[in-house]
Amino acid sequence: MANERTDHTKGGTVKVTLIRSPIGFESNQGLVVRSLGLRRIRHSVELKDTPETRGMIHKVRHLVSVE
C-alpha cells in the first residue's frame, strides 16, 4: 500500500491515516506529517486532492495509508 500512486483518486478528497510514527526518520518528515494534520498513530484526516497534498503524501508514503 505504501507505494501506491495517489494521483488517481475518485472525487476531490483523499483520506490519509498515520500508520507509523515519524520518530527515527528525518525531522522534515515529522514536519510533513504534522502539516498534513496528523497528530497520532491511527489518526485520519480528509484533505483536498491537490498536487501539493499529493507531494506531501509522497514524501511520507512509508508512514501513511491513503484511501
N, C-alpha and C. Protein backbone atom coordinates (compact mmCIF):
# COMPACT_ATOMS: atom_id res chain seq x y z
N MET A 1 0.80 -1.19 0.00
CA MET A 1 0.00 0.00 0.00
C MET A 1 0.84 1.27 0.00
N ALA A 2 2.02 1.22 0.60
CA ALA A 2 2.81 2.43 0.75
C ALA A 2 3.31 2.95 -0.59
N ASN A 3 3.42 2.11 -1.58
CA ASN A 3 3.96 2.55 -2.86
C ASN A 3 2.90 2.82 -3.90
N GLU A 4 1.63 2.85 -3.49
CA GLU A 4 0.57 3.14 -4.44
C GLU A 4 0.64 4.59 -4.88
N ARG A 5 0.24 4.83 -6.10
CA ARG A 5 0.19 6.20 -6.60
C ARG A 5 -1.04 6.88 -6.02
N THR A 6 -0.94 8.17 -5.79
CA THR A 6 -2.05 8.91 -5.19
C THR A 6 -2.63 9.94 -6.15
N ASP A 7 -2.30 9.86 -7.44
CA ASP A 7 -2.77 10.88 -8.37
C ASP A 7 -4.01 10.44 -9.14
N HIS A 8 -4.63 9.35 -8.74
CA HIS A 8 -5.81 8.88 -9.47
C HIS A 8 -6.97 8.58 -8.51
N THR A 9 -7.21 9.49 -7.56
CA THR A 9 -8.28 9.27 -6.60
C THR A 9 -9.62 9.67 -7.19
N LYS A 10 -10.66 9.11 -6.64
CA LYS A 10 -12.02 9.45 -7.05
C LYS A 10 -12.50 10.61 -6.19
N GLY A 11 -13.08 11.61 -6.79
CA GLY A 11 -13.59 12.73 -6.02
C GLY A 11 -12.53 13.78 -5.75
N GLY A 12 -12.88 14.69 -4.86
CA GLY A 12 -11.99 15.80 -4.60
C GLY A 12 -11.24 15.72 -3.30
N THR A 13 -11.36 14.60 -2.58
CA THR A 13 -10.65 14.48 -1.31
C THR A 13 -9.93 13.14 -1.21
N VAL A 14 -8.95 13.10 -0.33
CA VAL A 14 -8.25 11.86 0.00
C VAL A 14 -8.26 11.71 1.51
N LYS A 15 -8.40 10.48 1.97
CA LYS A 15 -8.35 10.20 3.40
C LYS A 15 -6.97 9.64 3.71
N VAL A 16 -6.25 10.32 4.61
CA VAL A 16 -4.89 9.94 4.96
C VAL A 16 -4.88 9.51 6.42
N THR A 17 -4.26 8.36 6.70
CA THR A 17 -4.17 7.83 8.05
C THR A 17 -2.71 7.59 8.39
N LEU A 18 -2.29 8.03 9.56
CA LEU A 18 -0.93 7.79 10.02
C LEU A 18 -0.85 6.37 10.57
N ILE A 19 0.05 5.55 9.99
CA ILE A 19 0.16 4.16 10.43
C ILE A 19 1.47 3.86 11.13
N ARG A 20 2.48 4.72 10.95
CA ARG A 20 3.77 4.55 11.62
C ARG A 20 4.22 5.88 12.19
N SER A 21 4.98 5.83 13.26
CA SER A 21 5.48 7.04 13.90
C SER A 21 6.63 7.62 13.08
N PRO A 22 6.69 8.96 12.97
CA PRO A 22 7.80 9.58 12.27
C PRO A 22 9.08 9.64 13.10
N ILE A 23 9.03 9.18 14.35
CA ILE A 23 10.24 9.17 15.19
C ILE A 23 11.24 8.20 14.59
N GLY A 24 12.47 8.61 14.46
CA GLY A 24 13.51 7.78 13.89
C GLY A 24 13.76 8.05 12.43
N PHE A 25 12.92 8.85 11.82
CA PHE A 25 13.11 9.25 10.43
C PHE A 25 13.63 10.69 10.42
N GLU A 26 13.89 11.22 9.26
CA GLU A 26 14.38 12.59 9.17
C GLU A 26 13.37 13.56 9.77
N SER A 27 13.87 14.63 10.39
CA SER A 27 12.99 15.55 11.10
C SER A 27 12.00 16.25 10.16
N ASN A 28 12.40 16.47 8.91
CA ASN A 28 11.47 17.15 7.99
C ASN A 28 10.27 16.27 7.67
N GLN A 29 10.41 14.95 7.78
CA GLN A 29 9.27 14.07 7.54
C GLN A 29 8.26 14.21 8.68
N GLY A 30 8.73 14.41 9.90
CA GLY A 30 7.83 14.67 11.02
C GLY A 30 7.07 15.96 10.82
N LEU A 31 7.73 16.97 10.26
CA LEU A 31 7.07 18.24 9.98
C LEU A 31 6.00 18.08 8.91
N VAL A 32 6.26 17.24 7.92
CA VAL A 32 5.28 17.00 6.86
C VAL A 32 4.06 16.29 7.44
N VAL A 33 4.28 15.32 8.32
CA VAL A 33 3.16 14.61 8.96
C VAL A 33 2.30 15.60 9.74
N ARG A 34 2.94 16.50 10.50
CA ARG A 34 2.17 17.50 11.26
C ARG A 34 1.44 18.46 10.34
N SER A 35 2.05 18.83 9.23
CA SER A 35 1.41 19.77 8.31
C SER A 35 0.23 19.13 7.58
N LEU A 36 0.23 17.81 7.49
CA LEU A 36 -0.94 17.12 6.93
C LEU A 36 -2.09 17.09 7.93
N GLY A 37 -1.81 17.43 9.18
CA GLY A 37 -2.85 17.44 10.20
C GLY A 37 -2.92 16.17 11.02
N LEU A 38 -1.94 15.31 10.86
CA LEU A 38 -1.94 14.04 11.58
C LEU A 38 -1.23 14.20 12.91
N ARG A 39 -1.88 13.77 13.99
CA ARG A 39 -1.36 14.02 15.33
C ARG A 39 -0.84 12.76 16.01
N ARG A 40 -1.45 11.62 15.75
CA ARG A 40 -1.06 10.39 16.44
C ARG A 40 -1.32 9.21 15.52
N ILE A 41 -0.82 8.05 15.89
CA ILE A 41 -0.99 6.85 15.09
C ILE A 41 -2.48 6.50 15.03
N ARG A 42 -2.94 6.07 13.87
CA ARG A 42 -4.33 5.74 13.55
C ARG A 42 -5.24 6.97 13.50
N HIS A 43 -4.68 8.16 13.45
CA HIS A 43 -5.46 9.38 13.27
C HIS A 43 -5.65 9.61 11.78
N SER A 44 -6.88 9.91 11.36
CA SER A 44 -7.19 10.10 9.95
C SER A 44 -7.69 11.52 9.70
N VAL A 45 -7.36 12.03 8.53
CA VAL A 45 -7.87 13.32 8.09
C VAL A 45 -8.28 13.22 6.63
N GLU A 46 -9.24 14.04 6.25
CA GLU A 46 -9.62 14.14 4.84
C GLU A 46 -9.08 15.45 4.31
N LEU A 47 -8.33 15.37 3.22
CA LEU A 47 -7.68 16.54 2.63
C LEU A 47 -8.12 16.71 1.19
N LYS A 48 -8.06 17.96 0.70
CA LYS A 48 -8.34 18.21 -0.71
C LYS A 48 -7.29 17.51 -1.55
N ASP A 49 -7.71 16.98 -2.67
CA ASP A 49 -6.80 16.29 -3.58
C ASP A 49 -6.14 17.31 -4.50
N THR A 50 -5.01 17.86 -4.07
CA THR A 50 -4.27 18.85 -4.85
C THR A 50 -2.87 18.31 -5.10
N PRO A 51 -2.16 18.86 -6.06
CA PRO A 51 -0.77 18.43 -6.29
C PRO A 51 0.12 18.64 -5.06
N GLU A 52 -0.13 19.69 -4.29
CA GLU A 52 0.66 19.95 -3.10
C GLU A 52 0.45 18.87 -2.05
N THR A 53 -0.81 18.48 -1.86
CA THR A 53 -1.13 17.42 -0.90
C THR A 53 -0.54 16.10 -1.35
N ARG A 54 -0.65 15.80 -2.63
CA ARG A 54 -0.08 14.56 -3.15
C ARG A 54 1.44 14.52 -2.97
N GLY A 55 2.09 15.67 -3.13
CA GLY A 55 3.53 15.73 -2.92
C GLY A 55 3.92 15.45 -1.48
N MET A 56 3.14 16.00 -0.54
CA MET A 56 3.42 15.74 0.88
C MET A 56 3.18 14.27 1.22
N ILE A 57 2.11 13.70 0.67
CA ILE A 57 1.82 12.29 0.91
C ILE A 57 2.94 11.43 0.34
N HIS A 58 3.43 11.79 -0.83
CA HIS A 58 4.51 11.02 -1.45
C HIS A 58 5.78 11.05 -0.59
N LYS A 59 6.05 12.16 0.05
CA LYS A 59 7.25 12.30 0.87
C LYS A 59 7.21 11.39 2.09
N VAL A 60 6.01 11.13 2.63
CA VAL A 60 5.89 10.29 3.83
C VAL A 60 5.05 9.04 3.54
N ARG A 61 5.13 8.54 2.33
CA ARG A 61 4.29 7.42 1.93
C ARG A 61 4.56 6.15 2.72
N HIS A 62 5.72 6.03 3.35
CA HIS A 62 6.05 4.87 4.16
C HIS A 62 5.45 4.97 5.57
N LEU A 63 4.88 6.13 5.91
CA LEU A 63 4.31 6.34 7.23
C LEU A 63 2.79 6.42 7.22
N VAL A 64 2.19 6.60 6.05
CA VAL A 64 0.74 6.84 5.99
C VAL A 64 0.06 5.82 5.07
N SER A 65 -1.25 5.75 5.24
CA SER A 65 -2.10 4.95 4.38
C SER A 65 -3.07 5.90 3.69
N VAL A 66 -3.32 5.71 2.41
CA VAL A 66 -4.17 6.62 1.64
C VAL A 66 -5.37 5.85 1.10
N GLU A 67 -6.54 6.44 1.26
CA GLU A 67 -7.78 5.83 0.72
C GLU A 67 -8.46 6.81 -0.20
